[in-house]
Structures are given as structure tokens and as C-alpha cells.
C-alpha atoms as a PDB file:
ATOM      1  CA  MET A   1     102.826  39.678-156.420  1.00  0.00           C
ATOM      2  CA  SER A   2      99.420  41.152-155.574  1.00  0.00           C
ATOM      3  CA  LEU A   3      99.915  43.742-158.281  1.00  0.00           C
ATOM      4  CA  LEU A   4     100.495  41.007-160.836  1.00  0.00           C
ATOM      5  CA  ASN A   5      97.329  39.179-159.658  1.00  0.00           C
ATOM      6  CA  GLN A   6      95.295  42.357-159.982  1.00  0.00           C
ATOM      7  CA  LEU A   7      96.600  42.981-163.474  1.00  0.00           C
ATOM      8  CA  PHE A   8      95.945  39.388-164.434  1.00  0.00           C
ATOM      9  CA  ASN A   9      92.418  39.444-162.996  1.00  0.00           C
ATOM     10  CA  ARG A  10      91.684  42.674-164.793  1.00  0.00           C
ATOM     11  CA  GLY A  11      92.725  41.209-168.083  1.00  0.00           C
ATOM     12  CA  VAL A  12      90.662  38.043-167.504  1.00  0.00           C
ATOM     13  CA  PHE A  13      87.558  39.989-166.471  1.00  0.00           C
ATOM     14  CA  GLY A  14      87.759  42.317-169.463  1.00  0.00           C
ATOM     15  CA  ALA A  15      88.246  39.513-172.011  1.00  0.00           C
ATOM     16  CA  LYS A  16      85.478  37.286-170.599  1.00  0.00           C
ATOM     17  CA  CYS A  17      83.079  40.183-170.232  1.00  0.00           C
ATOM     18  CA  LYS A  18      83.592  41.332-173.813  1.00  0.00           C
ATOM     19  CA  THR A  19      83.145  37.804-175.152  1.00  0.00           C
ATOM     20  CA  CYS A  20      79.947  37.143-173.173  1.00  0.00           C
ATOM     21  CA  LEU A  21      78.439  40.511-174.026  1.00  0.00           C
ATOM     22  CA  SER A  22      79.197  40.077-177.733  1.00  0.00           C
ATOM     23  CA  LEU A  23      77.594  36.615-177.757  1.00  0.00           C
ATOM     24  CA  ALA A  24      74.578  37.956-175.854  1.00  0.00           C
ATOM     25  CA  ILE A  25      74.092  40.746-178.408  1.00  0.00           C
ATOM     26  CA  SER A  26      74.220  38.249-181.269  1.00  0.00           C
ATOM     27  CA  ARG A  27      71.721  35.914-179.599  1.00  0.00           C
ATOM     28  CA  ILE A  28      69.343  38.764-178.808  1.00  0.00           C
ATOM     29  CA  LYS A  29      69.359  39.900-182.428  1.00  0.00           C
ATOM     30  CA  LEU A  30      68.593  36.365-183.634  1.00  0.00           C
ATOM     31  CA  ARG A  31      65.759  36.033-181.104  1.00  0.00           C
ATOM     32  CA  GLN A  32      64.340  39.377-182.162  1.00  0.00           C
ATOM     33  CA  ASN A  33      64.261  38.384-185.829  1.00  0.00           C
ATOM     34  CA  HIS A  34      62.561  35.097-185.002  1.00  0.00           C
ATOM     35  CA  ARG A  35      60.109  36.853-182.680  1.00  0.00           C
ATOM     36  CA  ASP A  36      59.220  39.435-185.346  1.00  0.00           C
ATOM     37  CA  LEU A  37      58.219  36.701-187.797  1.00  0.00           C
ATOM     38  CA  GLN A  38      56.280  34.801-185.164  1.00  0.00           C
ATOM     39  CA  LEU A  39      54.502  37.955-184.018  1.00  0.00           C
ATOM     40  CA  LYS A  40      53.384  38.837-187.547  1.00  0.00           C
ATOM     41  CA  ARG A  41      52.068  35.325-188.088  1.00  0.00           C
ATOM     42  CA  MET A  42      50.139  35.376-184.825  1.00  0.00           C
ATOM     43  CA  ARG A  43      48.578  38.757-185.543  1.00  0.00           C
ATOM     44  CA  LYS A  44      47.493  37.549-188.976  1.00  0.00           C
ATOM     45  CA  GLU A  45      45.876  34.446-187.460  1.00  0.00           C
ATOM     46  CA  ILE A  46      43.948  36.593-184.995  1.00  0.00           C
ATOM     47  CA  ALA A  47      42.703  38.773-187.866  1.00  0.00           C
ATOM     48  CA  GLU A  48      41.462  35.622-189.627  1.00  0.00           C
ATOM     49  CA  PHE A  49      39.662  34.489-186.481  1.00  0.00           C
ATOM     50  CA  LEU A  50      37.964  37.870-186.159  1.00  0.00           C
ATOM     51  CA  LEU A  51      36.949  37.751-189.811  1.00  0.00           C
ATOM     52  CA  ALA A  52      35.474  34.256-189.347  1.00  0.00           C
ATOM     53  CA  GLY A  53      33.535  35.315-186.246  1.00  0.00           C
ATOM     54  CA  GLN A  54      35.571  33.153-183.856  1.00  0.00           C
ATOM     55  CA  GLU A  55      36.061  35.824-181.219  1.00  0.00           C
ATOM     56  CA  ALA A  56      36.504  33.328-178.374  1.00  0.00           C
ATOM     57  CA  ILE A  57      39.689  31.947-179.947  1.00  0.00           C
ATOM     58  CA  ALA A  58      40.918  35.452-180.757  1.00  0.00           C
ATOM     59  CA  ARG A  59      40.474  36.527-177.123  1.00  0.00           C
ATOM     60  CA  ILE A  60      42.732  33.665-176.038  1.00  0.00           C
ATOM     61  CA  ARG A  61      45.383  34.091-178.733  1.00  0.00           C
ATOM     62  CA  VAL A  62      45.720  37.816-178.100  1.00  0.00           C
ATOM     63  CA  GLU A  63      47.358  37.080-174.740  1.00  0.00           C
ATOM     64  CA  HIS A  64      50.238  35.339-176.563  1.00  0.00           C
ATOM     65  CA  VAL A  65      50.587  38.344-178.852  1.00  0.00           C
ATOM     66  CA  ILE A  66      50.809  40.709-175.891  1.00  0.00           C
ATOM     67  CA  ARG A  67      53.407  38.485-174.265  1.00  0.00           C
ATOM     68  CA  GLU A  68      55.551  38.465-177.410  1.00  0.00           C
ATOM     69  CA  GLN A  69      55.256  42.228-177.769  1.00  0.00           C
ATOM     70  CA  ASN A  70      56.373  42.731-174.173  1.00  0.00           C
ATOM     71  CA  LEU A  71      59.363  40.465-174.709  1.00  0.00           C
ATOM     72  CA  GLN A  72      60.220  42.375-177.850  1.00  0.00           C
ATOM     73  CA  LEU A  73      60.381  45.637-175.895  1.00  0.00           C
ATOM     74  CA  ALA A  74      62.435  44.034-173.131  1.00  0.00           C
ATOM     75  CA  TYR A  75      64.928  42.508-175.583  1.00  0.00           C
ATOM     76  CA  ASP A  76      65.367  45.848-177.331  1.00  0.00           C
ATOM     77  CA  ALA A  77      66.328  47.399-174.006  1.00  0.00           C
ATOM     78  CA  LEU A  78      68.629  44.462-173.180  1.00  0.00           C
ATOM     79  CA  ARG A  79      70.492  44.783-176.458  1.00  0.00           C
ATOM     80  CA  LEU A  80      71.116  48.486-175.814  1.00  0.00           C
ATOM     81  CA  PHE A  81      72.345  47.793-172.277  1.00  0.00           C
ATOM     82  CA  CYS A  82      74.720  45.082-173.536  1.00  0.00           C
ATOM     83  CA  GLU A  83      76.158  47.426-176.141  1.00  0.00           C
ATOM     84  CA  PHE A  84      76.535  50.199-173.553  1.00  0.00           C
ATOM     85  CA  VAL A  85      78.318  47.973-171.013  1.00  0.00           C
ATOM     86  CA  LEU A  86      80.514  46.501-173.748  1.00  0.00           C
ATOM     87  CA  ALA A  87      81.718  49.981-174.600  1.00  0.00           C
ATOM     88  CA  ARG A  88      82.473  50.687-170.900  1.00  0.00           C
ATOM     89  CA  VAL A  89      84.418  47.490-170.151  1.00  0.00           C
ATOM     90  CA  PRO A  90      87.807  49.280-170.125  1.00  0.00           C
ATOM     91  CA  VAL A  91      86.439  51.693-167.499  1.00  0.00           C
ATOM     92  CA  LEU A  92      85.029  48.842-165.398  1.00  0.00           C
ATOM     93  CA  GLU A  93      88.396  47.086-165.394  1.00  0.00           C
ATOM     94  CA  THR A  94      90.246  50.007-163.838  1.00  0.00           C
ATOM     95  CA  GLN A  95      87.763  50.759-161.020  1.00  0.00           C
ATOM     96  CA  ARG A  96      87.023  48.617-158.000  1.00  0.00           C
ATOM     97  CA  GLU A  97      83.484  49.995-157.598  1.00  0.00           C
ATOM     98  CA  CYS A  98      80.827  50.126-160.272  1.00  0.00           C
ATOM     99  CA  PRO A  99      80.638  53.635-161.789  1.00  0.00           C
ATOM    100  CA  GLY A 100      77.373  55.487-161.352  1.00  0.00           C
ATOM    101  CA  GLU A 101      76.718  55.953-165.080  1.00  0.00           C
ATOM    102  CA  VAL A 102      77.058  52.189-165.690  1.00  0.00           C
ATOM    103  CA  GLN A 103      75.335  50.924-162.541  1.00  0.00           C
ATOM    104  CA  ALA A 104      71.778  51.034-163.982  1.00  0.00           C
ATOM    105  CA  ALA A 105      72.807  49.080-167.090  1.00  0.00           C
ATOM    106  CA  VAL A 106      74.745  46.468-165.088  1.00  0.00           C
ATOM    107  CA  ALA A 107      71.885  46.051-162.570  1.00  0.00           C
ATOM    108  CA  SER A 108      69.437  45.629-165.453  1.00  0.00           C
ATOM    109  CA  LEU A 109      71.555  42.842-166.953  1.00  0.00           C
ATOM    110  CA  ILE A 110      71.771  41.124-163.559  1.00  0.00           C
ATOM    111  CA  PHE A 111      67.973  41.327-163.164  1.00  0.00           C
ATOM    112  CA  ALA A 112      67.295  39.988-166.684  1.00  0.00           C
ATOM    113  CA  ALA A 113      69.844  37.136-166.625  1.00  0.00           C
ATOM    114  CA  PRO A 114      67.697  34.468-164.839  1.00  0.00           C
ATOM    115  CA  ARG A 115      64.536  35.617-166.686  1.00  0.00           C
ATOM    116  CA  CYS A 116      65.948  35.205-170.207  1.00  0.00           C
ATOM    117  CA  SER A 117      66.676  31.509-170.495  1.00  0.00           C
ATOM    118  CA  ASP A 118      67.203  31.722-174.264  1.00  0.00           C
ATOM    119  CA  VAL A 119      70.216  34.031-173.710  1.00  0.00           C
ATOM    120  CA  PRO A 120      72.497  31.986-171.395  1.00  0.00           C
ATOM    121  CA  ASP A 121      75.412  34.369-171.916  1.00  0.00           C
ATOM    122  CA  LEU A 122      73.746  36.845-169.571  1.00  0.00           C
ATOM    123  CA  LEU A 123      74.194  34.405-166.690  1.00  0.00           C
ATOM    124  CA  GLN A 124      77.942  34.393-167.286  1.00  0.00           C
ATOM    125  CA  VAL A 125      77.924  38.184-167.344  1.00  0.00           C
ATOM    126  CA  LYS A 126      76.055  38.162-164.037  1.00  0.00           C
ATOM    127  CA  ASN A 127      78.619  35.804-162.460  1.00  0.00           C
ATOM    128  CA  LEU A 128      81.483  37.986-163.655  1.00  0.00           C
ATOM    129  CA  PHE A 129      79.966  41.095-162.059  1.00  0.00           C
ATOM    130  CA  GLY A 130      79.222  39.151-158.886  1.00  0.00           C
ATOM    131  CA  THR A 131      82.860  38.076-158.654  1.00  0.00           C
ATOM    132  CA  LYS A 132      84.036  41.652-159.192  1.00  0.00           C
ATOM    133  CA  TYR A 133      81.552  43.656-157.073  1.00  0.00           C
ATOM    134  CA  GLY A 134      80.418  41.121-154.477  1.00  0.00           C
ATOM    135  CA  LYS A 135      77.296  39.222-153.460  1.00  0.00           C
ATOM    136  CA  GLU A 136      75.405  42.246-152.146  1.00  0.00           C
ATOM    137  CA  PHE A 137      75.618  43.921-155.536  1.00  0.00           C
ATOM    138  CA  LEU A 138      74.011  40.867-157.146  1.00  0.00           C
ATOM    139  CA  ILE A 139      71.242  40.659-154.525  1.00  0.00           C
ATOM    140  CA  ALA A 140      70.402  44.354-154.972  1.00  0.00           C
ATOM    141  CA  GLY A 141      69.819  43.876-158.701  1.00  0.00           C
ATOM    142  CA  SER A 142      68.042  40.517-158.449  1.00  0.00           C
ATOM    143  CA  GLU A 143      65.650  41.521-155.657  1.00  0.00           C
ATOM    144  CA  LEU A 144      64.921  45.031-156.999  1.00  0.00           C
ATOM    145  CA  ARG A 145      66.173  46.954-154.019  1.00  0.00           C
ATOM    146  CA  PRO A 146      65.446  50.703-154.008  1.00  0.00           C
ATOM    147  CA  ASP A 147      68.944  51.795-155.024  1.00  0.00           C
ATOM    148  CA  SER A 148      69.516  49.035-157.582  1.00  0.00           C
ATOM    149  CA  GLY A 149      68.650  51.170-160.645  1.00  0.00           C
ATOM    150  CA  VAL A 150      67.004  48.381-162.696  1.00  0.00           C
ATOM    151  CA  ASN A 151      65.288  49.732-165.792  1.00  0.00           C
ATOM    152  CA  ARG A 152      61.494  50.101-165.602  1.00  0.00           C
ATOM    153  CA  ILE A 153      60.944  48.527-169.048  1.00  0.00           C
ATOM    154  CA  LEU A 154      62.506  45.257-167.911  1.00  0.00           C
ATOM    155  CA  ILE A 155      60.566  45.252-164.641  1.00  0.00           C
ATOM    156  CA  GLU A 156      57.225  45.643-166.434  1.00  0.00           C
ATOM    157  CA  ASN A 157      57.764  43.421-169.475  1.00  0.00           C
ATOM    158  CA  LEU A 158      59.965  40.499-168.433  1.00  0.00           C
ATOM    159  CA  PRO A 159      57.788  38.843-165.745  1.00  0.00           C
ATOM    160  CA  VAL A 160      54.970  36.614-167.004  1.00  0.00           C
ATOM    161  CA  LYS A 161      51.639  38.210-166.074  1.00  0.00           C
ATOM    162  CA  ILE A 162      48.039  38.180-167.265  1.00  0.00           C
ATOM    163  CA  PRO A 163      47.246  41.233-169.394  1.00  0.00           C
ATOM    164  CA  SER A 164      44.310  43.431-168.449  1.00  0.00           C
ATOM    165  CA  ALA A 165      41.018  43.467-170.342  1.00  0.00           C
ATOM    166  CA  GLU A 166      41.657  46.984-171.665  1.00  0.00           C
ATOM    167  CA  GLU A 167      45.035  45.936-173.018  1.00  0.00           C
ATOM    168  CA  LYS A 168      43.624  42.871-174.785  1.00  0.00           C
ATOM    169  CA  LEU A 169      40.749  44.864-176.274  1.00  0.00           C
ATOM    170  CA  GLY A 170      43.152  47.543-177.538  1.00  0.00           C
ATOM    171  CA  VAL A 171      45.403  44.981-179.245  1.00  0.00           C
ATOM    172  CA  LEU A 172      42.407  43.307-180.894  1.00  0.00           C
ATOM    173  CA  LYS A 173      41.232  46.656-182.261  1.00  0.00           C
ATOM    174  CA  ASP A 174      44.725  47.414-183.579  1.00  0.00           C
ATOM    175  CA  ILE A 175      44.884  44.053-185.352  1.00  0.00           C
ATOM    176  CA  ALA A 176      41.433  44.534-186.889  1.00  0.00           C
ATOM    177  CA  GLN A 177      42.424  47.994-188.110  1.00  0.00           C
ATOM    178  CA  GLU A 178      45.762  46.761-189.440  1.00  0.00           C
ATOM    179  CA  TYR A 179      44.181  44.021-191.579  1.00  0.00           C
ATOM    180  CA  ASN A 180      41.021  46.018-192.496  1.00  0.00           C
ATOM    181  CA  VAL A 181      38.658  43.661-190.700  1.00  0.00           C
ATOM    182  CA  ARG A 182      35.146  44.939-190.010  1.00  0.00           C
ATOM    183  CA  TRP A 183      34.688  43.776-186.484  1.00  0.00           C
ATOM    184  CA  ASP A 184      32.101  44.745-183.883  1.00  0.00           C
ATOM    185  CA  SER A 185      33.872  44.754-180.527  1.00  0.00           C
ATOM    186  CA  SER A 186      30.718  45.074-178.417  1.00  0.00           C
ATOM    187  CA  ASN A 187      30.478  41.339-177.649  1.00  0.00           C
ATOM    188  CA  THR A 188      34.147  41.080-176.701  1.00  0.00           C
ATOM    189  CA  GLN A 189      33.935  44.215-174.603  1.00  0.00           C
ATOM    190  CA  ALA A 190      30.913  42.815-172.759  1.00  0.00           C
ATOM    191  CA  GLU A 191      32.766  39.528-172.210  1.00  0.00           C
ATOM    192  CA  PHE A 192      35.813  41.318-170.809  1.00  0.00           C
ATOM    193  CA  SER A 193      33.689  43.473-168.495  1.00  0.00           C
ATOM    194  CA  LYS A 194      31.742  40.480-167.171  1.00  0.00           C
ATOM    195  CA  LYS A 195      32.534  39.618-163.581  1.00  0.00           C
ATOM    196  CA  HIS A 196      33.040  35.898-163.294  1.00  0.00           C
ATOM    197  CA  GLU A 197      31.597  34.174-160.267  1.00  0.00           C
ATOM    198  CA  ASP A 198      33.947  32.866-157.629  1.00  0.00           C
ATOM    199  CA  LEU A 199      33.143  29.159-157.448  1.00  0.00           C
ATOM    200  CA  LEU A 200      35.413  28.357-154.504  1.00  0.00           C
ATOM    201  CA  GLY A 201      32.601  28.989-152.045  1.00  0.00           C
ATOM    202  CA  GLY A 202      29.995  27.185-154.142  1.00  0.00           C
ATOM    203  CA  SER A 203      27.661  28.463-156.814  1.00  0.00           C
ATOM    204  CA  LYS A 204      24.865  30.764-155.676  1.00  0.00           C
ATOM    205  CA  GLN A 205      22.747  30.312-158.781  1.00  0.00           C
ATOM    206  CA  MET A 206      21.158  27.435-160.617  1.00  0.00           C
ATOM    207  CA  CYS A 207      21.832  26.674-164.277  1.00  0.00           C
ATOM    208  CA  ASP A 208      18.804  28.693-165.390  1.00  0.00           C
ATOM    209  CA  GLY A 209      19.885  31.743-163.408  1.00  0.00           C
ATOM    210  CA  THR A 210      17.493  31.358-160.472  1.00  0.00           C
ATOM    211  CA  GLU A 211      18.904  31.624-157.001  1.00  0.00           C
ATOM    212  CA  VAL A 212      19.116  28.597-154.782  1.00  0.00           C
ATOM    213  CA  LEU A 213      16.731  28.931-151.870  1.00  0.00           C
ATOM    214  CA  GLN A 214      18.214  27.588-148.693  1.00  0.00           C
ATOM    215  CA  ALA A 215      15.656  25.736-146.611  1.00  0.00           C
ATOM    216  CA  PRO A 216      15.455  26.865-142.985  1.00  0.00           C
ATOM    217  CA  THR A 217      17.118  24.460-140.666  1.00  0.00           C
ATOM    218  CA  LYS A 218      14.738  22.790-138.241  1.00  0.00           C
ATOM    219  CA  PRO A 219      15.622  20.558-135.336  1.00  0.00           C
ATOM    220  CA  ILE A 220      15.115  16.931-136.299  1.00  0.00           C
ATOM    221  CA  SER A 221      13.449  14.841-133.641  1.00  0.00           C
ATOM    222  CA  PRO A 222      14.430  11.188-133.366  1.00  0.00           C
ATOM    223  CA  LYS A 223      11.866   8.652-134.508  1.00  0.00           C
ATOM    224  CA  ILE A 224      11.054   5.097-133.524  1.00  0.00           C
ATOM    225  CA  SER A 225       9.585   2.482-135.840  1.00  0.00           C
ATOM    226  CA  THR A 226       6.644   0.390-134.692  1.00  0.00           C
ATOM    227  CA  SER A 227       4.353  -2.086-136.346  1.00  0.00           C
ATOM    228  CA  ASN A 228       1.904   0.693-137.196  1.00  0.00           C
ATOM    229  CA  GLY A 229       4.457   3.039-138.670  1.00  0.00           C
ATOM    230  CA  VAL A 230       7.205   5.497-137.691  1.00  0.00           C
ATOM    231  CA  HIS A 231       6.436   7.795-134.775  1.00  0.00           C
ATOM    232  CA  PRO A 232       8.563  10.569-133.320  1.00  0.00           C
ATOM    233  CA  ILE A 233       9.943  10.193-129.829  1.00  0.00           C
ATOM    234  CA  VAL A 234       8.415  12.863-127.654  1.00  0.00           C
ATOM    235  CA  PRO A 235      10.775  14.194-124.973  1.00  0.00           C
ATOM    236  CA  ALA A 236       9.839  13.795-121.354  1.00  0.00           C
ATOM    237  CA  SER A 237       9.661  17.547-120.849  1.00  0.00           C
ATOM    238  CA  SER A 238       7.011  17.902-123.550  1.00  0.00           C
ATOM    239  CA  LYS A 239       5.064  15.012-122.046  1.00  0.00           C
ATOM    240  CA  ALA A 240       5.168  16.676-118.662  1.00  0.00           C
ATOM    241  CA  SER A 241       3.969  19.948-120.129  1.00  0.00           C
ATOM    242  CA  GLU A 242       1.137  18.135-121.845  1.00  0.00           C
ATOM    243  CA  SER A 243       0.148  16.477-118.587  1.00  0.00           C
ATOM    244  CA  ARG A 244       0.070  19.871-116.836  1.00  0.00           C
ATOM    245  CA  GLN A 245      -2.329  21.337-119.421  1.00  0.00           C
ATOM    246  CA  PRO A 246      -5.902  21.759-118.151  1.00  0.00           C
ATOM    247  CA  PRO A 247      -8.488  19.400-119.559  1.00  0.00           C
ATOM    248  CA  SER A 248     -10.700  20.641-122.369  1.00  0.00           C
ATOM    249  CA  PRO A 249     -14.233  21.643-121.510  1.00  0.00           C
ATOM    250  CA  MET A 250     -15.652  19.157-124.023  1.00  0.00           C
ATOM    251  CA  GLY A 251     -14.364  16.233-122.032  1.00  0.00           C
ATOM    252  CA  THR A 252     -11.331  14.082-122.028  1.00  0.00           C
ATOM    253  CA  LYS A 253     -10.400  11.967-125.006  1.00  0.00           C
ATOM    254  CA  PRO A 254      -8.882   8.515-124.685  1.00  0.00           C
ATOM    255  CA  ARG A 255      -5.171   8.347-125.373  1.00  0.00           C
ATOM    256  CA  LEU A 256      -3.956   6.203-128.187  1.00  0.00           C
ATOM    257  CA  GLY A 257      -1.128   3.808-127.524  1.00  0.00           C
ATOM    258  CA  ASN A 258       1.870   3.280-129.733  1.00  0.00           C
ATOM    259  CA  ASN A 259       0.289   0.232-131.351  1.00  0.00           C
ATOM    260  CA  GLU A 260      -3.107   1.833-131.953  1.00  0.00           C
ATOM    261  CA  ALA A 261      -4.042   3.446-135.238  1.00  0.00           C
ATOM    262  CA  LYS A 262      -3.881   7.243-135.466  1.00  0.00           C
ATOM    263  CA  LEU A 263      -6.551   9.299-137.132  1.00  0.00           C
ATOM    264  CA  SER A 264      -5.854  11.824-139.834  1.00  0.00           C
ATOM    265  CA  PRO A 265      -6.746  15.485-139.027  1.00  0.00           C
ATOM    266  CA  GLY A 266      -8.981  15.804-142.097  1.00  0.00           C
ATOM    267  CA  ASN A 267     -11.219  12.838-141.421  1.00  0.00           C
ATOM    268  CA  PRO A 268     -11.358  11.579-137.798  1.00  0.00           C
ATOM    269  CA  ASN A 269     -12.888   8.251-138.900  1.00  0.00           C
ATOM    270  CA  ALA A 270     -10.257   7.550-141.571  1.00  0.00           C
ATOM    271  CA  PRO A 271      -7.052   5.635-140.731  1.00  0.00           C
ATOM    272  CA  ALA A 272      -3.703   7.374-140.807  1.00  0.00           C
ATOM    273  CA  ALA A 273      -1.512   7.305-143.908  1.00  0.00           C
ATOM    274  CA  THR A 274       0.992   4.968-142.279  1.00  0.00           C
ATOM    275  CA  ASP A 275      -1.735   2.416-141.483  1.00  0.00           C
ATOM    276  CA  VAL A 276      -3.071   2.518-145.039  1.00  0.00           C
ATOM    277  CA  LYS A 277       0.427   2.022-146.346  1.00  0.00           C
ATOM    278  CA  ASN A 278       1.049  -0.908-144.003  1.00  0.00           C
ATOM    279  CA  LYS A 279      -2.232  -2.528-145.005  1.00  0.00           C
ATOM    280  CA  SER A 280      -1.479  -2.145-148.709  1.00  0.00           C
ATOM    281  CA  THR A 281       1.984  -3.631-148.322  1.00  0.00           C
ATOM    282  CA  SER A 282       0.631  -6.572-146.270  1.00  0.00           C
ATOM    283  CA  GLN A 283      -2.093  -7.183-148.869  1.00  0.00           C
ATOM    284  CA  GLN A 284       0.474  -7.173-151.653  1.00  0.00           C
ATOM    285  CA  SER A 285       2.688  -9.616-149.773  1.00  0.00           C
ATOM    286  CA  SER A 286      -0.274 -11.954-149.176  1.00  0.00           C
ATOM    287  CA  ASP A 287      -1.143 -11.841-152.891  1.00  0.00           C
ATOM    288  CA  VAL A 288       2.417 -12.734-153.770  1.00  0.00           C
ATOM    289  CA  LEU A 289       2.361 -15.664-151.324  1.00  0.00           C
ATOM    290  CA  GLU A 290      -0.920 -16.973-152.772  1.00  0.00           C
ATOM    291  CA  LYS A 291       0.489 -16.826-156.304  1.00  0.00           C
ATOM    292  CA  ALA A 292       3.613 -18.656-155.165  1.00  0.00           C
ATOM    293  CA  ARG A 293       1.566 -21.388-153.509  1.00  0.00           C
ATOM    294  CA  ALA A 294      -0.581 -21.812-156.659  1.00  0.00           C
ATOM    295  CA  ALA A 295       2.550 -22.091-158.799  1.00  0.00           C
ATOM    296  CA  MET A 296       4.014 -24.741-156.480  1.00  0.00           C
ATOM    297  CA  ALA A 297       0.776 -26.737-156.541  1.00  0.00           C
ATOM    298  CA  SER A 298       0.638 -26.675-160.353  1.00  0.00           C
ATOM    299  CA  ALA A 299       4.263 -27.770-160.504  1.00  0.00           C
ATOM    300  CA  GLN A 300       3.551 -30.666-158.174  1.00  0.00           C
ATOM    301  CA  ARG A 301       0.570 -31.737-160.289  1.00  0.00           C
ATOM    302  CA  ALA A 302       2.690 -31.601-163.451  1.00  0.00           C
ATOM    303  CA  ALA A 303       5.382 -33.739-161.800  1.00  0.00           C
ATOM    304  CA  ALA A 304       2.777 -36.323-160.692  1.00  0.00           C
ATOM    305  CA  ALA A 305       1.328 -36.490-164.220  1.00  0.00           C
ATOM    306  CA  ALA A 306       4.817 -37.001-165.648  1.00  0.00           C
ATOM    307  CA  ARG A 307       5.514 -39.855-163.227  1.00  0.00           C
ATOM    308  CA  ALA A 308       2.183 -41.521-164.091  1.00  0.00           C
ATOM    309  CA  ALA A 309       2.911 -41.276-167.825  1.00  0.00           C
ATOM    310  CA  ALA A 310       6.362 -42.788-167.303  1.00  0.00           C
ATOM    311  CA  GLU A 311       4.911 -45.731-165.330  1.00  0.00           C
ATOM    312  CA  LEU A 312       2.264 -46.330-168.020  1.00  0.00           C
ATOM    313  CA  VAL A 313       4.961 -46.428-170.729  1.00  0.00           C
ATOM    314  CA  ASN A 314       6.999 -48.899-168.682  1.00  0.00           C
ATOM    315  CA  VAL A 315       3.968 -51.174-168.199  1.00  0.00           C
ATOM    316  CA  GLN A 316       3.082 -51.173-171.901  1.00  0.00           C
ATOM    317  CA  PHE A 317       6.694 -51.835-172.897  1.00  0.00           C
ATOM    318  CA  GLY A 318       6.866 -54.748-170.442  1.00  0.00           C
ATOM    319  CA  SER A 319       3.642 -56.342-171.780  1.00  0.00           C
ATOM    320  CA  LEU A 320       4.878 -56.077-175.364  1.00  0.00           C
ATOM    321  CA  LYS A 321       8.148 -57.730-174.370  1.00  0.00           C
ATOM    322  CA  VAL A 322       6.348 -60.636-172.676  1.00  0.00           C
ATOM    323  CA  LYS A 323       4.117 -61.251-175.719  1.00  0.00           C
ATOM    324  CA  GLY A 324       7.138 -61.310-177.985  1.00  0.00           C
ATOM    325  CA  GLN A 325       8.885 -63.942-175.860  1.00  0.00           C
ATOM    326  CA  SER A 326       5.761 -66.190-175.703  1.00  0.00           C
ATOM    327  CA  SER A 327       5.285 -66.125-179.442  1.00  0.00           C
END
């Protein structure tokens, strides 16, 4: 009974594997033809951008060209591996372990299956090999273990990665040479070699290129507001130290209270800036009040004149009415 199951399983594995590999080869060829046309169109567009002087757009589009070229190389290798494994299916059916000469090709197909979404037949091939050789065989190919034998072309070209500046510059030069475009690559080369500033920690330069000068941090003393202005609160320790200082030989000076006016250091007879400011603000407020009072008085006079005019009109109208009735 077990012998019949083994023979049946062998026949099922061989038929499914051949079908999936044949469909995968056909899909890969179709994708390659489509990718060839798309790649030629993209390279021509980049040549037009270089000719028009739009190097910024060309520097962006060249990354798509490099990506398509890498996929083209990877799909070429995949098609060869599919054809190789398809030819070795009869050998794989008869052996319980994967032969050494086929192991690299099978591991490469297992690695590429989840990374080539436009070729779903490779996923079925991967499941078939997982059923035949076990879960550990699949993990070795998917996770790139040392003894997996995955091809280096697939490892380098299938994952999505940002191309280097040298690679982008080389492709741009090839495109310009292919379409006979006279292009000076000095600006693009300088742009690629420029080190962009890391803005995560904040910009260290202003917009005009000058550095931002950080002001030294000073301890901020608390302040108290009085009628004469805002004065800092002097700690008790500093007051005590001031009281311990010896008196000046020129004599003692009277202390000024919190409500007294301070003198500016330039002119001892002139009032402090805070006092001048307070006086100006109080003078302005008094001017505003005087103007408001004058406006109210004029409004009251206008209202009184209006009432007098209304009473005069009423009196005249009443006298005219009485004369009309008497006549």
C-alpha cells in the first residue's frame, strides 16, 4: 500500500512541477518582453530630459531605470533556473533528497518566489518542494542560510534598494552616450557628492548659510512688579553679603525703597527708564480720559439742544392749532 502511495505521489509531484515550471517560464518571457519596451521608453525619456537641461528630473527617473535593469537580470537568471529544474524533474521524482547539482537552482526558486509577485506559479513550485523536502529546506532558501546555495544575482538584484550615486551617474552617462546627447555631468556629479544635512537633530545653519549662535544660558532671577516698575527679587544671601561690605570712604548713601525712583547710571539726576515709561503711560491715559469727558459733554449739549428744538416746535404747532379753532 505504501509503495502505491509513493508511486502515486511521485507521479503527482512530477506532473504539477512540470506544469508550474512551464507556466512560470511563459510568464517570465512575457514580463521580459514588456520590461524591455518599458526600459527603452524610460531611457529615451531620460535622454530628452538631459537634452532639455532638466537634470533634476533625470536624476530621479534614473533610479527607476536601474530598478528595471536589475529585475531584467534577475528574471533572466530565473528563467534559466526554471528550465534547468524542469529538465531534472524525472531525477527529482526518484530521489528522496534534493541532488547536489539541482540544489542551488531549487533554492534560488524558493528565494525568488515571494519576491516575484507577477509570477505566482513560483509560489506553487515552492510549496511543492516544501512538501517533498520539508520545512527546513524551505527556511534555508528563504532566509539565505550559509549552505542554501541561492544564486548571487538574485540576492543582489531582487530586493528593492536605493542605488548608489556612482551607479546612477554611470547609467546617466551611458544614456547620454547612447542617444548622442552633449551633456556636462559636473553639476550632477556635484549634486551626488553633496552631503545632505541630517535634520533630525535640528538645522545648524540659517537660510543664508550663517551658523546659528547659541546664546549663553544665564540664571534668570525672579522679578516682582511694583508701581514704579519691575524689580528683581534679591536673595537674602546677597543682601547679607551686601550688609557685610565695609562702608565706602566717601560716606554712606541713603537706600532707596521699592517705591522710590531709581536713578540711571549715566545721569544720576535723571529718572530711571521704568519711571519715564510709567509717567508717559499715565499721561497718555489722562489725555484719553480728558478727550472722553469732552466728547460726553458735547453729546449732552447736543441732546439738550435737540430737546429744546422739539419743545419749540410743539409750542408753535399748538399756537397755530388754537388760532385755527378760534377763526
